[in-house]
Full PDB file with SEQRES, HELIX, SHEET, SSBOND, CRYST1, ORIGX, SCALE, CONECT and MASTER records, all heavy atoms in Angstrom:
SEQRES   1 A   41  ASP ILE ASP GLU ALA ARG MET ALA ARG ARG LEU ALA SER          
SEQRES   2 A   41  GLY LYS ALA GLY TYR LEU ARG ARG ARG ILE LEU PRO GLU          
SEQRES   3 A   41  GLU ALA ASN LYS VAL PHE ALA LEU GLY GLU ILE ALA LEU          
SEQRES   4 A   41  GLU ILE                                                      
HELIX    1 AA1 GLU A    4  SER A   13  1                                  10    
HELIX    2 AA2 PRO A   25  ALA A   33  1                                   9    
CRYST1    1.000    1.000    1.000  90.00  90.00  90.00 P 1           1          
ORIGX1      1.000000  0.000000  0.000000        0.00000                         
ORIGX2      0.000000  1.000000  0.000000        0.00000                         
ORIGX3      0.000000  0.000000  1.000000        0.00000                         
SCALE1      1.000000  0.000000  0.000000        0.00000                         
SCALE2      0.000000  1.000000  0.000000        0.00000                         
SCALE3      0.000000  0.000000  1.000000        0.00000                         
ATOM      1  N   ASP A   1       0.115  -2.622 -11.942  1.00  0.00           N  
ATOM      2  CA  ASP A   1      -0.366  -1.441 -12.644  1.00  0.00           C  
ATOM      3  C   ASP A   1      -0.042  -0.133 -11.932  1.00  0.00           C  
ATOM      4  O   ASP A   1      -0.306   0.945 -12.470  1.00  0.00           O  
ATOM      5  CB  ASP A   1      -1.879  -1.535 -12.849  1.00  0.00           C  
ATOM      6  CG  ASP A   1      -2.645  -1.630 -11.538  1.00  0.00           C  
ATOM      7  OD1 ASP A   1      -2.151  -2.303 -10.624  1.00  0.00           O  
ATOM      8  OD2 ASP A   1      -3.731  -1.029 -11.445  1.00  0.00           O  
ATOM      9  N   ILE A   2       0.530  -0.179 -10.720  1.00  0.00           N  
ATOM     10  CA  ILE A   2       0.798   1.064 -10.006  1.00  0.00           C  
ATOM     11  C   ILE A   2       2.044   1.753 -10.551  1.00  0.00           C  
ATOM     12  O   ILE A   2       2.917   1.116 -11.151  1.00  0.00           O  
ATOM     13  CB  ILE A   2       0.955   0.833  -8.485  1.00  0.00           C  
ATOM     14  CG1 ILE A   2       2.228   0.049  -8.187  1.00  0.00           C  
ATOM     15  CG2 ILE A   2      -0.260   0.171  -7.894  1.00  0.00           C  
ATOM     16  CD1 ILE A   2       2.552  -0.015  -6.699  1.00  0.00           C  
ATOM     17  N   ASP A   3       2.126   3.054 -10.333  1.00  0.00           N  
ATOM     18  CA  ASP A   3       3.306   3.844 -10.697  1.00  0.00           C  
ATOM     19  C   ASP A   3       4.269   3.788  -9.504  1.00  0.00           C  
ATOM     20  O   ASP A   3       4.003   4.377  -8.456  1.00  0.00           O  
ATOM     21  CB  ASP A   3       2.882   5.273 -11.000  1.00  0.00           C  
ATOM     22  CG  ASP A   3       4.029   6.135 -11.520  1.00  0.00           C  
ATOM     23  OD1 ASP A   3       5.174   5.928 -11.056  1.00  0.00           O  
ATOM     24  OD2 ASP A   3       3.786   7.018 -12.346  1.00  0.00           O  
ATOM     25  N   GLU A   4       5.380   3.061  -9.673  1.00  0.00           N  
ATOM     26  CA  GLU A   4       6.296   2.828  -8.547  1.00  0.00           C  
ATOM     27  C   GLU A   4       6.871   4.129  -7.996  1.00  0.00           C  
ATOM     28  O   GLU A   4       6.924   4.344  -6.774  1.00  0.00           O  
ATOM     29  CB  GLU A   4       7.419   1.898  -8.997  1.00  0.00           C  
ATOM     30  CG  GLU A   4       8.374   1.515  -7.875  1.00  0.00           C  
ATOM     31  CD  GLU A   4       9.448   0.549  -8.340  1.00  0.00           C  
ATOM     32  OE1 GLU A   4       9.227  -0.138  -9.370  1.00  0.00           O  
ATOM     33  OE2 GLU A   4      10.515   0.489  -7.691  1.00  0.00           O  
ATOM     34  N   ALA A   5       7.306   5.022  -8.864  1.00  0.00           N  
ATOM     35  CA  ALA A   5       7.900   6.281  -8.412  1.00  0.00           C  
ATOM     36  C   ALA A   5       6.868   7.134  -7.680  1.00  0.00           C  
ATOM     37  O   ALA A   5       7.165   7.740  -6.638  1.00  0.00           O  
ATOM     38  CB  ALA A   5       8.465   7.044  -9.609  1.00  0.00           C  
ATOM     39  N   ARG A   6       5.661   7.155  -8.219  1.00  0.00           N  
ATOM     40  CA  ARG A   6       4.603   7.942  -7.572  1.00  0.00           C  
ATOM     41  C   ARG A   6       4.247   7.350  -6.214  1.00  0.00           C  
ATOM     42  O   ARG A   6       4.011   8.087  -5.252  1.00  0.00           O  
ATOM     43  CB  ARG A   6       3.379   7.970  -8.481  1.00  0.00           C  
ATOM     44  CG  ARG A   6       2.260   8.859  -7.977  1.00  0.00           C  
ATOM     45  CD  ARG A   6       1.126   8.897  -8.971  1.00  0.00           C  
ATOM     46  NE  ARG A   6       0.040   9.723  -8.511  1.00  0.00           N  
ATOM     47  CZ  ARG A   6      -1.103   9.892  -9.169  1.00  0.00           C  
ATOM     48  NH1 ARG A   6      -1.272   9.289 -10.340  1.00  0.00           N  
ATOM     49  NH2 ARG A   6      -2.052  10.660  -8.676  1.00  0.00           N  
ATOM     50  N   MET A   7       4.215   6.029  -6.125  1.00  0.00           N  
ATOM     51  CA  MET A   7       3.919   5.380  -4.853  1.00  0.00           C  
ATOM     52  C   MET A   7       5.007   5.677  -3.827  1.00  0.00           C  
ATOM     53  O   MET A   7       4.716   5.925  -2.634  1.00  0.00           O  
ATOM     54  CB  MET A   7       3.781   3.864  -5.061  1.00  0.00           C  
ATOM     55  CG  MET A   7       3.478   3.087  -3.787  1.00  0.00           C  
ATOM     56  SD  MET A   7       1.891   3.521  -3.024  1.00  0.00           S  
ATOM     57  CE  MET A   7       0.754   2.794  -4.215  1.00  0.00           C  
ATOM     58  N   ALA A   8       6.267   5.677  -4.243  1.00  0.00           N  
ATOM     59  CA  ALA A   8       7.358   5.989  -3.325  1.00  0.00           C  
ATOM     60  C   ALA A   8       7.226   7.409  -2.781  1.00  0.00           C  
ATOM     61  O   ALA A   8       7.443   7.657  -1.585  1.00  0.00           O  
ATOM     62  CB  ALA A   8       8.702   5.803  -4.032  1.00  0.00           C  
ATOM     63  N   ARG A   9       6.876   8.347  -3.663  1.00  0.00           N  
ATOM     64  CA  ARG A   9       6.679   9.723  -3.211  1.00  0.00           C  
ATOM     65  C   ARG A   9       5.510   9.826  -2.242  1.00  0.00           C  
ATOM     66  O   ARG A   9       5.567  10.579  -1.263  1.00  0.00           O  
ATOM     67  CB  ARG A   9       6.447  10.641  -4.419  1.00  0.00           C  
ATOM     68  CG  ARG A   9       7.679  10.843  -5.293  1.00  0.00           C  
ATOM     69  CD  ARG A   9       7.496  11.997  -6.259  1.00  0.00           C  
ATOM     70  NE  ARG A   9       6.368  11.786  -7.163  1.00  0.00           N  
ATOM     71  CZ  ARG A   9       6.458  11.186  -8.343  1.00  0.00           C  
ATOM     72  NH1 ARG A   9       7.643  10.705  -8.759  1.00  0.00           N  
ATOM     73  NH2 ARG A   9       5.404  11.055  -9.112  1.00  0.00           N  
ATOM     74  N   ARG A  10       4.487   9.078  -2.514  1.00  0.00           N  
ATOM     75  CA  ARG A  10       3.304   9.107  -1.632  1.00  0.00           C  
ATOM     76  C   ARG A  10       3.655   8.600  -0.237  1.00  0.00           C  
ATOM     77  O   ARG A  10       3.265   9.176   0.783  1.00  0.00           O  
ATOM     78  CB  ARG A  10       2.194   8.248  -2.257  1.00  0.00           C  
ATOM     79  CG  ARG A  10       0.961   8.066  -1.380  1.00  0.00           C  
ATOM     80  CD  ARG A  10       0.152   9.340  -1.271  1.00  0.00           C  
ATOM     81  NE  ARG A  10      -0.965   9.187  -0.359  1.00  0.00           N  
ATOM     82  CZ  ARG A  10      -2.138   8.651  -0.686  1.00  0.00           C  
ATOM     83  NH1 ARG A  10      -2.354   8.211  -1.907  1.00  0.00           N  
ATOM     84  NH2 ARG A  10      -3.109   8.580   0.207  1.00  0.00           N  
ATOM     85  N   LEU A  11       4.401   7.518  -0.169  1.00  0.00           N  
ATOM     86  CA  LEU A  11       4.788   6.957   1.128  1.00  0.00           C  
ATOM     87  C   LEU A  11       5.753   7.885   1.852  1.00  0.00           C  
ATOM     88  O   LEU A  11       5.702   8.019   3.083  1.00  0.00           O  
ATOM     89  CB  LEU A  11       5.415   5.578   0.926  1.00  0.00           C  
ATOM     90  CG  LEU A  11       4.489   4.489   0.352  1.00  0.00           C  
ATOM     91  CD1 LEU A  11       5.285   3.222   0.056  1.00  0.00           C  
ATOM     92  CD2 LEU A  11       3.345   4.180   1.309  1.00  0.00           C  
ATOM     93  N   ALA A  12       6.633   8.519   1.104  1.00  0.00           N  
ATOM     94  CA  ALA A  12       7.612   9.416   1.724  1.00  0.00           C  
ATOM     95  C   ALA A  12       6.968  10.689   2.254  1.00  0.00           C  
ATOM     96  O   ALA A  12       7.495  11.331   3.163  1.00  0.00           O  
ATOM     97  CB  ALA A  12       8.700   9.759   0.715  1.00  0.00           C  
ATOM     98  N   SER A  13       5.830  11.057   1.697  1.00  0.00           N  
ATOM     99  CA  SER A  13       5.170  12.291   2.113  1.00  0.00           C  
ATOM    100  C   SER A  13       4.602  12.210   3.522  1.00  0.00           C  
ATOM    101  O   SER A  13       4.364  13.232   4.163  1.00  0.00           O  
ATOM    102  CB  SER A  13       4.052  12.644   1.126  1.00  0.00           C  
ATOM    103  OG  SER A  13       2.965  11.726   1.258  1.00  0.00           O  
ATOM    104  N   GLY A  14       4.362  10.968   3.973  1.00  0.00           N  
ATOM    105  CA  GLY A  14       3.790  10.805   5.302  1.00  0.00           C  
ATOM    106  C   GLY A  14       2.328  11.189   5.389  1.00  0.00           C  
ATOM    107  O   GLY A  14       1.778  11.349   6.490  1.00  0.00           O  
ATOM    108  N   LYS A  15       1.666  11.309   4.253  1.00  0.00           N  
ATOM    109  CA  LYS A  15       0.257  11.683   4.220  1.00  0.00           C  
ATOM    110  C   LYS A  15      -0.617  10.448   4.276  1.00  0.00           C  
ATOM    111  O   LYS A  15      -0.486   9.526   3.467  1.00  0.00           O  
ATOM    112  CB  LYS A  15      -0.035  12.475   2.949  1.00  0.00           C  
ATOM    113  CG  LYS A  15      -1.457  12.993   2.856  1.00  0.00           C  
ATOM    114  CD  LYS A  15      -1.648  13.788   1.578  1.00  0.00           C  
ATOM    115  CE  LYS A  15      -3.082  14.283   1.454  1.00  0.00           C  
ATOM    116  NZ  LYS A  15      -3.286  15.041   0.188  1.00  0.00           N  
ATOM    117  N   ALA A  16      -1.536  10.399   5.248  1.00  0.00           N  
ATOM    118  CA  ALA A  16      -2.424   9.255   5.399  1.00  0.00           C  
ATOM    119  C   ALA A  16      -3.466   9.239   4.288  1.00  0.00           C  
ATOM    120  O   ALA A  16      -3.844  10.282   3.752  1.00  0.00           O  
ATOM    121  CB  ALA A  16      -3.109   9.299   6.759  1.00  0.00           C  
ATOM    122  N   GLY A  17      -3.922   8.043   3.945  1.00  0.00           N  
ATOM    123  CA  GLY A  17      -4.978   7.918   2.951  1.00  0.00           C  
ATOM    124  C   GLY A  17      -4.956   6.571   2.274  1.00  0.00           C  
ATOM    125  O   GLY A  17      -4.063   5.735   2.502  1.00  0.00           O  
ATOM    126  N   TYR A  18      -5.960   6.357   1.417  1.00  0.00           N  
ATOM    127  CA  TYR A  18      -6.072   5.088   0.705  1.00  0.00           C  
ATOM    128  C   TYR A  18      -5.059   5.024  -0.434  1.00  0.00           C  
ATOM    129  O   TYR A  18      -4.872   5.992  -1.173  1.00  0.00           O  
ATOM    130  CB  TYR A  18      -7.481   4.910   0.131  1.00  0.00           C  
ATOM    131  CG  TYR A  18      -8.513   4.551   1.175  1.00  0.00           C  
ATOM    132  CD1 TYR A  18      -9.317   5.527   1.761  1.00  0.00           C  
ATOM    133  CD2 TYR A  18      -8.688   3.228   1.563  1.00  0.00           C  
ATOM    134  CE1 TYR A  18     -10.265   5.193   2.716  1.00  0.00           C  
ATOM    135  CE2 TYR A  18      -9.625   2.886   2.513  1.00  0.00           C  
ATOM    136  CZ  TYR A  18     -10.411   3.870   3.091  1.00  0.00           C  
ATOM    137  OH  TYR A  18     -11.346   3.529   4.040  1.00  0.00           O  
ATOM    138  N   LEU A  19      -4.430   3.872  -0.559  1.00  0.00           N  
ATOM    139  CA  LEU A  19      -3.548   3.609  -1.686  1.00  0.00           C  
ATOM    140  C   LEU A  19      -4.295   2.865  -2.788  1.00  0.00           C  
ATOM    141  O   LEU A  19      -4.041   3.070  -3.968  1.00  0.00           O  
ATOM    142  CB  LEU A  19      -2.328   2.806  -1.234  1.00  0.00           C  
ATOM    143  CG  LEU A  19      -1.483   3.441  -0.121  1.00  0.00           C  
ATOM    144  CD1 LEU A  19      -0.322   2.531   0.243  1.00  0.00           C  
ATOM    145  CD2 LEU A  19      -0.995   4.819  -0.539  1.00  0.00           C  
ATOM    146  N   ARG A  20      -5.206   1.974  -2.398  1.00  0.00           N  
ATOM    147  CA  ARG A  20      -6.086   1.271  -3.331  1.00  0.00           C  
ATOM    148  C   ARG A  20      -7.389   0.975  -2.608  1.00  0.00           C  
ATOM    149  O   ARG A  20      -7.380   0.584  -1.445  1.00  0.00           O  
ATOM    150  CB  ARG A  20      -5.464  -0.048  -3.828  1.00  0.00           C  
ATOM    151  CG  ARG A  20      -4.290   0.130  -4.753  1.00  0.00           C  
ATOM    152  CD  ARG A  20      -3.740  -1.211  -5.185  1.00  0.00           C  
ATOM    153  NE  ARG A  20      -4.484  -1.808  -6.270  1.00  0.00           N  
ATOM    154  CZ  ARG A  20      -4.209  -1.637  -7.553  1.00  0.00           C  
ATOM    155  NH1 ARG A  20      -3.208  -0.863  -7.931  1.00  0.00           N  
ATOM    156  NH2 ARG A  20      -4.924  -2.231  -8.475  1.00  0.00           N  
ATOM    157  N   ARG A  21      -8.523   1.147  -3.326  1.00  0.00           N  
ATOM    158  CA  ARG A  21      -9.812   0.934  -2.672  1.00  0.00           C  
ATOM    159  C   ARG A  21     -10.324  -0.494  -2.809  1.00  0.00           C  
ATOM    160  O   ARG A  21     -11.222  -0.886  -2.103  1.00  0.00           O  
ATOM    161  CB  ARG A  21     -10.857   1.892  -3.254  1.00  0.00           C  
ATOM    162  CG  ARG A  21     -10.644   3.341  -2.896  1.00  0.00           C  
ATOM    163  CD  ARG A  21     -10.549   3.540  -1.406  1.00  0.00           C  
ATOM    164  NE  ARG A  21     -11.727   3.149  -0.687  1.00  0.00           N  
ATOM    165  CZ  ARG A  21     -12.651   3.980  -0.230  1.00  0.00           C  
ATOM    166  NH1 ARG A  21     -12.513   5.266  -0.419  1.00  0.00           N  
ATOM    167  NH2 ARG A  21     -13.698   3.534   0.440  1.00  0.00           N  
ATOM    168  N   ARG A  22      -9.777  -1.250  -3.706  1.00  0.00           N  
ATOM    169  CA  ARG A  22     -10.266  -2.623  -3.866  1.00  0.00           C  
ATOM    170  C   ARG A  22      -9.090  -3.550  -4.153  1.00  0.00           C  
ATOM    171  O   ARG A  22      -8.422  -3.410  -5.175  1.00  0.00           O  
ATOM    172  CB  ARG A  22     -11.272  -2.703  -5.013  1.00  0.00           C  
ATOM    173  CG  ARG A  22     -11.818  -4.105  -5.228  1.00  0.00           C  
ATOM    174  CD  ARG A  22     -12.746  -4.145  -6.412  1.00  0.00           C  
ATOM    175  NE  ARG A  22     -13.942  -3.352  -6.193  1.00  0.00           N  
ATOM    176  CZ  ARG A  22     -14.773  -2.987  -7.164  1.00  0.00           C  
ATOM    177  NH1 ARG A  22     -14.515  -3.332  -8.411  1.00  0.00           N  
ATOM    178  NH2 ARG A  22     -15.846  -2.277  -6.900  1.00  0.00           N  
ATOM    179  N   ILE A  23      -8.841  -4.494  -3.232  1.00  0.00           N  
ATOM    180  CA  ILE A  23      -7.793  -5.487  -3.460  1.00  0.00           C  
ATOM    181  C   ILE A  23      -8.352  -6.865  -3.152  1.00  0.00           C  
ATOM    182  O   ILE A  23      -9.278  -7.025  -2.348  1.00  0.00           O  
ATOM    183  CB  ILE A  23      -6.535  -5.207  -2.602  1.00  0.00           C  
ATOM    184  CG1 ILE A  23      -6.846  -5.343  -1.102  1.00  0.00           C  
ATOM    185  CG2 ILE A  23      -5.970  -3.829  -2.908  1.00  0.00           C  
ATOM    186  CD1 ILE A  23      -5.620  -5.194  -0.223  1.00  0.00           C  
ATOM    187  N   LEU A  24      -7.784  -7.863  -3.785  1.00  0.00           N  
ATOM    188  CA  LEU A  24      -8.224  -9.242  -3.605  1.00  0.00           C  
ATOM    189  C   LEU A  24      -7.669  -9.821  -2.306  1.00  0.00           C  
ATOM    190  O   LEU A  24      -6.649  -9.339  -1.780  1.00  0.00           O  
ATOM    191  CB  LEU A  24      -7.768 -10.091  -4.787  1.00  0.00           C  
ATOM    192  CG  LEU A  24      -8.312  -9.672  -6.164  1.00  0.00           C  
ATOM    193  CD1 LEU A  24      -7.640 -10.491  -7.259  1.00  0.00           C  
ATOM    194  CD2 LEU A  24      -9.821  -9.826  -6.214  1.00  0.00           C  
ATOM    195  N   PRO A  25      -8.313 -10.865  -1.768  1.00  0.00           N  
ATOM    196  CA  PRO A  25      -7.815 -11.473  -0.534  1.00  0.00           C  
ATOM    197  C   PRO A  25      -6.359 -11.940  -0.639  1.00  0.00           C  
ATOM    198  O   PRO A  25      -5.574 -11.769   0.295  1.00  0.00           O  
ATOM    199  CB  PRO A  25      -8.771 -12.651  -0.317  1.00  0.00           C  
ATOM    200  CG  PRO A  25     -10.036 -12.230  -0.975  1.00  0.00           C  
ATOM    201  CD  PRO A  25      -9.609 -11.430  -2.170  1.00  0.00           C  
ATOM    202  N   GLU A  26      -5.988 -12.515  -1.779  1.00  0.00           N  
ATOM    203  CA  GLU A  26      -4.612 -12.986  -1.937  1.00  0.00           C  
ATOM    204  C   GLU A  26      -3.629 -11.807  -1.985  1.00  0.00           C  
ATOM    205  O   GLU A  26      -2.490 -11.916  -1.520  1.00  0.00           O  
ATOM    206  CB  GLU A  26      -4.462 -13.864  -3.180  1.00  0.00           C  
ATOM    207  CG  GLU A  26      -4.924 -13.240  -4.479  1.00  0.00           C  
ATOM    208  CD  GLU A  26      -6.370 -13.579  -4.810  1.00  0.00           C  
ATOM    209  OE1 GLU A  26      -7.172 -13.775  -3.869  1.00  0.00           O  
ATOM    210  OE2 GLU A  26      -6.697 -13.643  -6.017  1.00  0.00           O  
ATOM    211  N   GLU A  27      -4.070 -10.685  -2.548  1.00  0.00           N  
ATOM    212  CA  GLU A  27      -3.236  -9.497  -2.552  1.00  0.00           C  
ATOM    213  C   GLU A  27      -3.092  -8.933  -1.133  1.00  0.00           C  
ATOM    214  O   GLU A  27      -2.013  -8.469  -0.741  1.00  0.00           O  
ATOM    215  CB  GLU A  27      -3.845  -8.440  -3.476  1.00  0.00           C  
ATOM    216  CG  GLU A  27      -3.828  -8.831  -4.958  1.00  0.00           C  
ATOM    217  CD  GLU A  27      -4.626  -7.891  -5.826  1.00  0.00           C  
ATOM    218  OE1 GLU A  27      -5.557  -7.244  -5.308  1.00  0.00           O  
ATOM    219  OE2 GLU A  27      -4.332  -7.803  -7.038  1.00  0.00           O  
ATOM    220  N   ALA A  28      -4.179  -8.991  -0.368  1.00  0.00           N  
ATOM    221  CA  ALA A  28      -4.136  -8.530   1.020  1.00  0.00           C  
ATOM    222  C   ALA A  28      -3.139  -9.360   1.830  1.00  0.00           C  
ATOM    223  O   ALA A  28      -2.387  -8.827   2.662  1.00  0.00           O  
ATOM    224  CB  ALA A  28      -5.529  -8.602   1.635  1.00  0.00           C  
ATOM    225  N   ASN A  29      -3.105 -10.664   1.592  1.00  0.00           N  
ATOM    226  CA  ASN A  29      -2.160 -11.534   2.298  1.00  0.00           C  
ATOM    227  C   ASN A  29      -0.712 -11.169   1.970  1.00  0.00           C  
ATOM    228  O   ASN A  29       0.163 -11.189   2.848  1.00  0.00           O  
ATOM    229  CB  ASN A  29      -2.427 -13.000   1.945  1.00  0.00           C  
ATOM    230  CG  ASN A  29      -3.731 -13.503   2.534  1.00  0.00           C  
ATOM    231  OD1 ASN A  29      -4.196 -12.995   3.556  1.00  0.00           O  
ATOM    232  ND2 ASN A  29      -4.333 -14.509   1.902  1.00  0.00           N  
ATOM    233  N   LYS A  30      -0.462 -10.834   0.714  1.00  0.00           N  
ATOM    234  CA  LYS A  30       0.899 -10.470   0.320  1.00  0.00           C  
ATOM    235  C   LYS A  30       1.324  -9.148   0.946  1.00  0.00           C  
ATOM    236  O   LYS A  30       2.483  -8.985   1.358  1.00  0.00           O  
ATOM    237  CB  LYS A  30       0.994 -10.395  -1.206  1.00  0.00           C  
ATOM    238  CG  LYS A  30       0.838 -11.738  -1.910  1.00  0.00           C  
ATOM    239  CD  LYS A  30       0.890 -11.575  -3.426  1.00  0.00           C  
ATOM    240  CE  LYS A  30       0.701 -12.918  -4.124  1.00  0.00           C  
ATOM    241  NZ  LYS A  30       0.716 -12.773  -5.603  1.00  0.00           N  
ATOM    242  N   VAL A  31       0.391  -8.195   1.024  1.00  0.00           N  
ATOM    243  CA  VAL A  31       0.705  -6.917   1.668  1.00  0.00           C  
ATOM    244  C   VAL A  31       0.969  -7.143   3.154  1.00  0.00           C  
ATOM    245  O   VAL A  31       1.907  -6.585   3.733  1.00  0.00           O  
ATOM    246  CB  VAL A  31      -0.446  -5.911   1.470  1.00  0.00           C  
ATOM    247  CG1 VAL A  31      -0.201  -4.643   2.296  1.00  0.00           C  
ATOM    248  CG2 VAL A  31      -0.590  -5.550  -0.007  1.00  0.00           C  
ATOM    249  N   PHE A  32       0.180  -7.984   3.782  1.00  0.00           N  
ATOM    250  CA  PHE A  32       0.364  -8.282   5.204  1.00  0.00           C  
ATOM    251  C   PHE A  32       1.734  -8.912   5.455  1.00  0.00           C  
ATOM    252  O   PHE A  32       2.390  -8.656   6.467  1.00  0.00           O  
ATOM    253  CB  PHE A  32      -0.749  -9.224   5.671  1.00  0.00           C  
ATOM    254  CG  PHE A  32      -0.713  -9.537   7.139  1.00  0.00           C  
ATOM    255  CD1 PHE A  32      -1.147  -8.611   8.076  1.00  0.00           C  
ATOM    256  CD2 PHE A  32      -0.220 -10.756   7.586  1.00  0.00           C  
ATOM    257  CE1 PHE A  32      -1.108  -8.906   9.426  1.00  0.00           C  
ATOM    258  CE2 PHE A  32      -0.165 -11.055   8.929  1.00  0.00           C  
ATOM    259  CZ  PHE A  32      -0.616 -10.117   9.863  1.00  0.00           C  
ATOM    260  N   ALA A  33       2.172  -9.723   4.494  1.00  0.00           N  
ATOM    261  CA  ALA A  33       3.461 -10.405   4.642  1.00  0.00           C  
ATOM    262  C   ALA A  33       4.645  -9.437   4.566  1.00  0.00           C  
ATOM    263  O   ALA A  33       5.762  -9.800   4.955  1.00  0.00           O  
ATOM    264  CB  ALA A  33       3.605 -11.483   3.568  1.00  0.00           C  
ATOM    265  N   LEU A  34       4.428  -8.209   4.089  1.00  0.00           N  
ATOM    266  CA  LEU A  34       5.514  -7.230   4.049  1.00  0.00           C  
ATOM    267  C   LEU A  34       5.936  -6.788   5.446  1.00  0.00           C  
ATOM    268  O   LEU A  34       7.039  -6.275   5.629  1.00  0.00           O  
ATOM    269  CB  LEU A  34       5.089  -5.997   3.232  1.00  0.00           C  
ATOM    270  CG  LEU A  34       4.753  -6.236   1.745  1.00  0.00           C  
ATOM    271  CD1 LEU A  34       4.363  -4.928   1.075  1.00  0.00           C  
ATOM    272  CD2 LEU A  34       5.929  -6.864   1.011  1.00  0.00           C  
ATOM    273  N   GLY A  35       5.053  -6.959   6.417  1.00  0.00           N  
ATOM    274  CA  GLY A  35       5.390  -6.644   7.796  1.00  0.00           C  
ATOM    275  C   GLY A  35       5.410  -5.169   8.127  1.00  0.00           C  
ATOM    276  O   GLY A  35       6.038  -4.773   9.116  1.00  0.00           O  
ATOM    277  N   GLU A  36       4.768  -4.356   7.341  1.00  0.00           N  
ATOM    278  CA  GLU A  36       4.720  -2.912   7.591  1.00  0.00           C  
ATOM    279  C   GLU A  36       3.400  -2.566   8.270  1.00  0.00           C  
ATOM    280  O   GLU A  36       2.325  -2.648   7.662  1.00  0.00           O  
ATOM    281  CB  GLU A  36       4.867  -2.131   6.284  1.00  0.00           C  
ATOM    282  CG  GLU A  36       6.226  -2.250   5.631  1.00  0.00           C  
ATOM    283  CD  GLU A  36       7.316  -1.503   6.400  1.00  0.00           C  
ATOM    284  OE1 GLU A  36       6.970  -0.695   7.300  1.00  0.00           O  
ATOM    285  OE2 GLU A  36       8.505  -1.718   6.106  1.00  0.00           O  
ATOM    286  N   ILE A  37       3.468  -2.163   9.529  1.00  0.00           N  
ATOM    287  CA  ILE A  37       2.259  -1.868  10.291  1.00  0.00           C  
ATOM    288  C   ILE A  37       1.497  -0.701   9.691  1.00  0.00           C  
ATOM    289  O   ILE A  37       0.265  -0.639   9.753  1.00  0.00           O  
ATOM    290  CB  ILE A  37       2.620  -1.580  11.767  1.00  0.00           C  
ATOM    291  CG1 ILE A  37       3.256  -2.826  12.397  1.00  0.00           C  
ATOM    292  CG2 ILE A  37       1.408  -1.143  12.557  1.00  0.00           C  
ATOM    293  CD1 ILE A  37       3.696  -2.625  13.828  1.00  0.00           C  
ATOM    294  N   ALA A  38       2.201   0.246   9.075  1.00  0.00           N  
ATOM    295  CA  ALA A  38       1.545   1.420   8.507  1.00  0.00           C  
ATOM    296  C   ALA A  38       0.703   1.099   7.277  1.00  0.00           C  
ATOM    297  O   ALA A  38      -0.130   1.910   6.868  1.00  0.00           O  
ATOM    298  CB  ALA A  38       2.584   2.476   8.149  1.00  0.00           C  
ATOM    299  N   LEU A  39       0.921  -0.072   6.685  1.00  0.00           N  
ATOM    300  CA  LEU A  39       0.105  -0.490   5.536  1.00  0.00           C  
ATOM    301  C   LEU A  39      -1.073  -1.294   6.084  1.00  0.00           C  
ATOM    302  O   LEU A  39      -0.975  -2.491   6.340  1.00  0.00           O  
ATOM    303  CB  LEU A  39       0.931  -1.318   4.549  1.00  0.00           C  
ATOM    304  CG  LEU A  39       2.096  -0.595   3.876  1.00  0.00           C  
ATOM    305  CD1 LEU A  39       2.820  -1.539   2.922  1.00  0.00           C  
ATOM    306  CD2 LEU A  39       1.607   0.650   3.135  1.00  0.00           C  
ATOM    307  N   GLU A  40      -2.175  -0.610   6.292  1.00  0.00           N  
ATOM    308  CA  GLU A  40      -3.356  -1.242   6.873  1.00  0.00           C  
ATOM    309  C   GLU A  40      -4.252  -1.816   5.786  1.00  0.00           C  
ATOM    310  O   GLU A  40      -4.290  -1.312   4.657  1.00  0.00           O  
ATOM    311  CB  GLU A  40      -4.139  -0.227   7.699  1.00  0.00           C  
ATOM    312  CG  GLU A  40      -3.358   0.312   8.889  1.00  0.00           C  
ATOM    313  CD  GLU A  40      -4.130   1.327   9.687  1.00  0.00           C  
ATOM    314  OE1 GLU A  40      -5.086   1.935   9.132  1.00  0.00           O  
ATOM    315  OE2 GLU A  40      -3.785   1.531  10.874  1.00  0.00           O  
ATOM    316  N   ILE A  41      -4.969  -2.860   6.156  1.00  0.00           N  
ATOM    317  CA  ILE A  41      -5.861  -3.527   5.203  1.00  0.00           C  
ATOM    318  C   ILE A  41      -7.259  -3.574   5.822  1.00  0.00           C  
ATOM    319  O   ILE A  41      -7.695  -4.613   6.335  1.00  0.00           O  
ATOM    320  CB  ILE A  41      -5.368  -4.946   4.866  1.00  0.00           C  
ATOM    321  CG1 ILE A  41      -3.905  -4.893   4.433  1.00  0.00           C  
ATOM    322  CG2 ILE A  41      -6.214  -5.576   3.763  1.00  0.00           C  
ATOM    323  CD1 ILE A  41      -3.271  -6.245   4.273  1.00  0.00           C  
TER     324      ILE A  41                                                      
MASTER        0    0    0    2    0    0    0    6  323    1    0    4          
END                                                                             
């Protein structure tokens, strides 16, 4: 459901903050598997 282009701009801006306030455990595992330290859970 996310806007891919908007998310890319958000990441490129270098501005810290929440991307999503509620994610499921299985979704958290998939984000962790991306290997990006800057994407905190």
